């Protein structure tokens, strides 16, 4: 089946693996996962692919009925989802065939990806999910996050939207835009991007789903270039906070945002560009807002 997928004989792969799954053959847990990955690679379209994204959460040695196990997102399934353009990821997320556990896992990643891509229509459609996760995982008051989300939804311009989104994210545990990621994202450090921090980073595009149309594949490449250009999570937050502070210095959220941005540079995925940004935000905070509590409790840059 691997060889047939490589030869683009996807219909044969679908027919063969589907027949095997319908047979009475007992397939070992690990082998079944490998076969599901091959079947996912051979999917005819997104509707077909969604049925093969989730994996059993039971450990391989467990002999329990697989139906009693929760579903997880396998590494290869995450790669395939990441290769899709945002619109297709959202379609997969909204498909009733996708396991609820996987939906809950990737909702935050979709929200993060949509914000970076300035697709606030997509992000806002997931606001309720983000609110429930934030209050459940971090034990924070729902009304507090509800107010932050309201600020985001009421923002009038794209610039205000972007800042309000990042300000909201500064109050949460950091997470990435890759599907299933629970840690902040890091920046590419390969090729000229490592040697020339001011240059354009190379787009990092995961293996593409075979069923993507040329237009969808092109859109995915464009989006991944934008995601990679965002730099690391810590650096991106600082850049947004600085840009907004310079254009809206009297906004009451600015001192807090700058303070949180500086502290975040000490905690999440630094790179050679981080210190200069951290110092810039620190300097602006102390020069412009020296008497605020946020300046007083931000004693260092990193």
Protein backbone atom coordinates (compact mmCIF):
# COMPACT_ATOMS: atom_id res chain seq x y z
CA UNK A 1 0.00 0.00 0.00
CA UNK A 2 2.92 2.35 0.62
CA UNK A 3 4.22 1.66 -2.85
CA UNK A 4 0.79 2.16 -4.39
CA UNK A 5 0.35 5.46 -2.60
CA UNK A 6 3.75 6.55 -3.88
CA UNK A 7 2.60 5.61 -7.39
CA UNK A 8 -0.60 7.64 -6.84
CA UNK A 9 -2.77 4.51 -7.17
CA UNK A 10 -5.03 5.87 -4.45
CA UNK A 11 -8.22 4.13 -5.55
CA UNK A 12 -6.51 0.73 -5.24
CA UNK A 13 -5.26 1.62 -1.77
CA UNK A 14 -8.70 2.70 -0.61
CA UNK A 15 -10.32 -0.44 -1.95
CA UNK A 16 -7.71 -2.78 -0.47
CA UNK A 17 -7.48 -1.25 3.02
CA UNK A 18 -11.25 -0.80 3.32
CA UNK A 19 -11.72 -4.47 2.42
CA UNK A 20 -9.17 -5.50 5.04
CA UNK A 21 -10.89 -3.48 7.76
CA UNK A 22 -14.25 -5.06 6.86
CA UNK A 23 -12.81 -8.58 7.00
CA UNK A 24 -12.66 -10.69 10.11
CA UNK A 25 -8.89 -10.42 10.32
CA UNK A 26 -7.54 -9.36 13.69
CA UNK A 27 -5.16 -6.47 13.08
CA UNK A 28 -2.62 -5.54 15.80
CA UNK A 29 -3.11 -2.09 17.26
CA UNK A 30 0.12 -0.59 15.89
CA UNK A 31 -0.40 -2.14 12.46
CA UNK A 32 -3.91 -0.71 12.31
CA UNK A 33 -2.59 2.78 13.03
CA UNK A 34 -0.08 2.43 10.19
CA UNK A 35 -2.84 1.25 7.85
CA UNK A 36 -5.04 4.16 8.89
CA UNK A 37 -2.19 6.54 8.03
CA UNK A 38 -1.92 4.93 4.58
CA UNK A 39 -5.68 5.14 4.13
CA UNK A 40 -5.62 8.80 5.12
CA UNK A 41 -2.94 9.45 2.52
CA UNK A 42 -5.17 7.82 -0.11
CA UNK A 43 -8.32 9.77 0.81
CA UNK A 44 -10.38 10.84 -2.18
CA UNK A 45 -11.37 14.18 -0.66
CA UNK A 46 -11.71 15.99 2.66
CA UNK A 47 -15.03 14.32 3.47
CA UNK A 48 -13.36 10.93 3.07
CA UNK A 49 -10.22 11.93 4.96
CA UNK A 50 -12.04 13.10 8.09
CA UNK A 51 -13.08 9.51 8.87
CA UNK A 52 -9.42 8.47 9.26
CA UNK A 53 -8.03 11.36 11.32
CA UNK A 54 -8.79 10.13 14.85
CA UNK A 55 -6.86 7.30 16.50
CA UNK A 56 -7.61 5.09 19.48
CA UNK A 57 -6.24 6.46 22.70
CA UNK A 58 -5.73 2.99 24.17
CA UNK A 59 -2.11 1.91 24.66
CA UNK A 60 -1.01 -0.87 22.27
CA UNK A 61 -0.86 -3.50 25.01
CA UNK A 62 -4.40 -2.82 26.24
CA UNK A 63 -6.89 -5.52 25.34
CA UNK A 64 -10.01 -3.51 26.10
CA UNK A 65 -12.74 -2.99 23.54
CA UNK A 66 -11.46 -0.15 21.29
CA UNK A 67 -14.88 1.47 21.44
CA UNK A 68 -14.28 2.19 25.14
CA UNK A 69 -11.13 4.20 24.40
CA UNK A 70 -11.06 7.94 23.87
CA UNK A 71 -9.86 9.29 20.55
CA UNK A 72 -6.60 11.13 19.99
CA UNK A 73 -4.92 12.92 17.10
CA UNK A 74 -2.13 10.84 15.64
CA UNK A 75 1.13 12.49 14.49
CA UNK A 76 0.50 11.77 10.82
CA UNK A 77 -3.09 12.96 11.08
CA UNK A 78 -1.81 16.22 12.56
CA UNK A 79 0.63 16.59 9.64
CA UNK A 80 -2.18 16.13 7.13
CA UNK A 81 -4.43 18.66 8.88
CA UNK A 82 -1.54 21.12 9.06
CA UNK A 83 -1.01 20.79 5.32
CA UNK A 84 -4.53 22.04 4.59
CA UNK A 85 -5.48 25.68 4.05
CA UNK A 86 -7.38 27.23 6.93
CA UNK A 87 -10.77 26.92 5.22
CA UNK A 88 -10.30 23.17 4.82
CA UNK A 89 -9.17 22.74 8.43
CA UNK A 90 -12.33 24.50 9.56
CA UNK A 91 -14.45 22.26 7.32
CA UNK A 92 -12.82 19.20 8.85
CA UNK A 93 -13.38 20.61 12.34
CA UNK A 94 -17.08 21.14 11.68
CA UNK A 95 -17.57 17.71 10.13
CA UNK A 96 -19.73 15.49 12.36
CA UNK A 97 -17.51 12.49 11.55
CA UNK A 98 -14.55 14.00 13.41
CA UNK A 99 -14.30 12.68 16.97
CA UNK A 100 -15.34 15.27 19.62
CA UNK A 101 -12.10 14.69 21.55
CA UNK A 102 -10.07 15.65 18.49
CA UNK A 103 -12.27 18.70 17.89
CA UNK A 104 -11.68 19.88 21.44
CA UNK A 105 -7.96 19.34 21.02
CA UNK A 106 -7.53 21.35 17.82
CA UNK A 107 -10.03 24.21 18.39
CA UNK A 108 -7.43 26.39 20.15
CA UNK A 109 -4.87 25.71 17.41
CA UNK A 110 -7.34 26.75 14.72
CA UNK A 111 -8.12 29.93 16.69
CA UNK A 112 -4.41 30.74 16.99
CA UNK A 113 -3.77 30.07 13.30
CA UNK A 114 -6.74 32.21 12.27
CA UNK A 115 -5.54 35.15 14.39
CA UNK A 116 -2.05 35.11 12.87
CA UNK A 117 -3.59 34.94 9.39
CA UNK A 118 -5.93 37.84 10.22
CA UNK A 119 -8.95 35.60 9.67
CA UNK A 120 -10.90 36.95 12.60
CA UNK A 121 -14.18 35.69 11.16
CA UNK A 122 -12.89 32.16 11.74
CA UNK A 123 -11.42 32.92 15.16
CA UNK A 124 -14.60 34.57 16.44
CA UNK A 125 -16.65 31.53 15.42
CA UNK A 126 -14.61 29.56 17.98
CA UNK A 127 -14.73 32.11 20.81
CA UNK A 128 -17.11 30.03 22.94
CA UNK A 129 -14.75 27.06 22.77
CA UNK A 130 -11.76 29.20 23.71
CA UNK A 131 -13.65 30.65 26.68
CA UNK A 132 -14.65 27.23 28.01
CA UNK A 133 -11.12 25.86 27.68
CA UNK A 134 -9.52 28.87 29.36
CA UNK A 135 -11.80 28.82 32.37
CA UNK A 136 -11.69 25.04 32.77
CA UNK A 137 -7.94 24.52 32.43
CA UNK A 138 -6.70 27.66 34.13
CA UNK A 139 -9.40 28.00 36.82
CA UNK A 140 -10.05 31.61 35.87
CA UNK A 141 -13.34 33.41 36.24
CA UNK A 142 -15.55 33.02 33.15
CA UNK A 143 -16.69 36.63 33.36
CA UNK A 144 -13.08 37.84 33.17
CA UNK A 145 -12.38 36.01 29.94
CA UNK A 146 -15.82 36.86 28.65
CA UNK A 147 -14.89 40.53 28.94
CA UNK A 148 -11.62 39.98 27.04
CA UNK A 149 -13.50 38.14 24.31
CA UNK A 150 -16.07 40.92 24.18
CA UNK A 151 -13.26 43.46 23.69
CA UNK A 152 -11.98 41.32 20.84
CA UNK A 153 -15.35 40.91 19.16
CA UNK A 154 -16.17 44.62 19.51
CA UNK A 155 -12.86 45.82 18.05
CA UNK A 156 -13.66 47.94 15.01
CA UNK A 157 -10.52 47.76 12.86
CA UNK A 158 -8.21 44.88 11.84
CA UNK A 159 -5.43 46.51 13.85
CA UNK A 160 -7.61 46.68 16.97
CA UNK A 161 -8.77 43.11 16.39
CA UNK A 162 -5.22 41.81 16.24
CA UNK A 163 -4.19 43.56 19.44
CA UNK A 164 -7.33 42.49 21.30
CA UNK A 165 -6.73 38.89 20.24
CA UNK A 166 -3.13 38.94 21.44
CA UNK A 167 -4.12 40.73 24.66
CA UNK A 168 -6.58 37.90 25.29
CA UNK A 169 -3.90 35.31 24.51
CA UNK A 170 -1.50 37.00 26.91
CA UNK A 171 -3.85 35.92 29.70
CA UNK A 172 -3.69 32.23 28.74
CA UNK A 173 -1.16 29.45 28.65
CA UNK A 174 0.69 29.78 25.36
CA UNK A 175 -0.04 27.23 22.65
CA UNK A 176 0.80 26.84 18.99
CA UNK A 177 -0.98 26.93 15.65
CA UNK A 178 -0.06 23.37 14.61
CA UNK A 179 -2.94 20.98 15.14
CA UNK A 180 -2.70 19.30 18.54
CA UNK A 181 0.12 21.57 19.76
CA UNK A 182 -0.02 22.36 23.46
CA UNK A 183 3.21 24.38 23.60
CA UNK A 184 4.10 27.82 22.17
CA UNK A 185 5.40 27.79 18.64
CA UNK A 186 9.03 28.42 17.79
CA UNK A 187 10.49 30.09 14.71
CA UNK A 188 12.36 28.51 11.87
CA UNK A 189 16.12 28.88 12.20
CA UNK A 190 17.27 27.31 8.96
CA UNK A 191 19.14 28.70 5.97
CA UNK A 192 19.26 32.45 5.42
CA UNK A 193 16.71 33.08 8.17
CA UNK A 194 19.28 32.04 10.77
CA UNK A 195 22.05 34.09 9.19
CA UNK A 196 19.91 37.10 8.34
CA UNK A 197 17.30 37.85 11.02
CA UNK A 198 15.94 40.70 8.94
CA UNK A 199 15.43 38.50 5.90
CA UNK A 200 12.39 36.54 4.81
CA UNK A 201 12.05 33.15 6.51
CA UNK A 202 11.54 30.13 4.25
CA UNK A 203 7.98 28.74 4.38
CA UNK A 204 7.71 25.48 6.27
CA UNK A 205 5.03 23.37 4.60
CA UNK A 206 4.28 19.85 5.86
CA UNK A 207 3.61 16.96 3.46
CA UNK A 208 0.56 17.88 1.43
CA UNK A 209 -2.69 15.91 1.35
CA UNK A 210 -3.03 14.24 -2.05
CA UNK A 211 -6.62 15.40 -2.54
CA UNK A 212 -5.83 19.12 -2.39
CA UNK A 213 -6.60 21.02 -5.57
CA UNK A 214 -3.82 23.18 -7.06
CA UNK A 215 -5.62 26.26 -5.73
CA UNK A 216 -5.83 24.80 -2.22
CA UNK A 217 -2.18 23.73 -2.28
CA UNK A 218 -1.19 27.25 -3.36
CA UNK A 219 -3.28 28.80 -0.58
CA UNK A 220 -1.69 26.46 1.96
CA UNK A 221 1.79 27.53 0.83
CA UNK A 222 0.84 31.21 1.16
CA UNK A 223 -0.56 30.66 4.64
CA UNK A 224 2.47 28.70 5.85
CA UNK A 225 4.75 31.47 4.62
CA UNK A 226 2.71 33.95 6.70
CA UNK A 227 2.81 31.68 9.75
CA UNK A 228 6.57 31.26 9.50
CA UNK A 229 7.06 35.00 9.05
CA UNK A 230 5.26 35.56 12.37
CA UNK A 231 8.48 34.44 14.11
CA UNK A 232 8.23 32.75 17.51
CA UNK A 233 5.26 33.09 19.81
CA UNK A 234 7.13 35.29 22.29
CA UNK A 235 8.49 37.55 19.56
CA UNK A 236 5.13 37.83 17.81
CA UNK A 237 3.36 38.93 20.99
CA UNK A 238 6.00 41.62 21.59
CA UNK A 239 5.75 42.92 18.03
CA UNK A 240 1.96 43.25 18.22
CA UNK A 241 2.13 44.93 21.65
CA UNK A 242 4.81 47.39 20.50
CA UNK A 243 3.03 48.28 17.28
CA UNK A 244 -0.24 48.95 19.08
CA UNK A 245 1.45 50.91 21.89
CA UNK A 246 3.14 53.23 19.40
CA UNK A 247 -0.13 53.93 17.57
CA UNK A 248 -2.45 53.98 20.61
CA UNK A 249 -0.30 55.12 23.56
CA UNK A 250 -3.29 56.16 25.66
CA UNK A 251 -5.08 52.82 25.51
CA UNK A 252 -5.33 51.59 29.14
CA UNK A 253 -4.39 48.03 28.13
CA UNK A 254 -0.98 49.01 26.76
CA UNK A 255 1.10 48.96 30.01
CA UNK A 256 -0.24 45.54 30.94
CA UNK A 257 0.33 44.19 27.44
CA UNK A 258 3.92 45.44 27.36
CA UNK A 259 4.62 43.97 30.79
CA UNK A 260 3.18 40.59 29.86
CA UNK A 261 5.08 40.63 26.57
CA UNK A 262 8.40 41.26 28.33
CA UNK A 263 7.84 38.51 30.89
CA UNK A 264 6.78 36.12 28.17
CA UNK A 265 10.17 36.49 26.46
CA UNK A 266 11.74 34.81 29.50
CA UNK A 267 9.48 31.77 29.28
CA UNK A 268 8.76 30.73 25.72
CA UNK A 269 11.05 29.62 22.91
CA UNK A 270 13.62 32.39 22.61
CA UNK A 271 15.83 32.94 19.56
CA UNK A 272 18.51 35.50 18.56
CA UNK A 273 15.84 38.13 17.87
CA UNK A 274 14.14 37.89 21.26
CA UNK A 275 16.39 40.00 23.50
CA UNK A 276 16.25 43.13 21.34
CA UNK A 277 12.46 42.95 21.26
CA UNK A 278 12.27 42.31 24.99
CA UNK A 279 14.47 45.32 25.71
CA UNK A 280 12.47 47.54 23.36
CA UNK A 281 9.19 46.68 25.09
CA UNK A 282 10.79 47.06 28.53
CA UNK A 283 12.21 50.47 27.65
CA UNK A 284 8.92 51.75 26.27
CA UNK A 285 7.04 50.51 29.33
CA UNK A 286 9.39 52.26 31.77
CA UNK A 287 9.83 55.46 29.76
CA UNK A 288 6.18 56.01 28.89
CA UNK A 289 4.36 54.41 31.82
CA UNK A 290 6.85 54.52 34.76
CA UNK A 291 4.24 55.04 37.47
CA UNK A 292 2.02 52.10 36.56
CA UNK A 293 2.01 48.91 38.61
CA UNK A 294 2.92 47.04 35.42
CA UNK A 295 6.16 48.97 35.05
CA UNK A 296 7.00 48.63 38.73
CA UNK A 297 6.60 44.85 38.74
CA UNK A 298 8.52 44.38 35.48
CA UNK A 299 12.05 44.69 36.73
CA UNK A 300 14.02 43.03 33.94
CA UNK A 301 14.09 42.40 30.24
CA UNK A 302 15.48 39.13 28.91
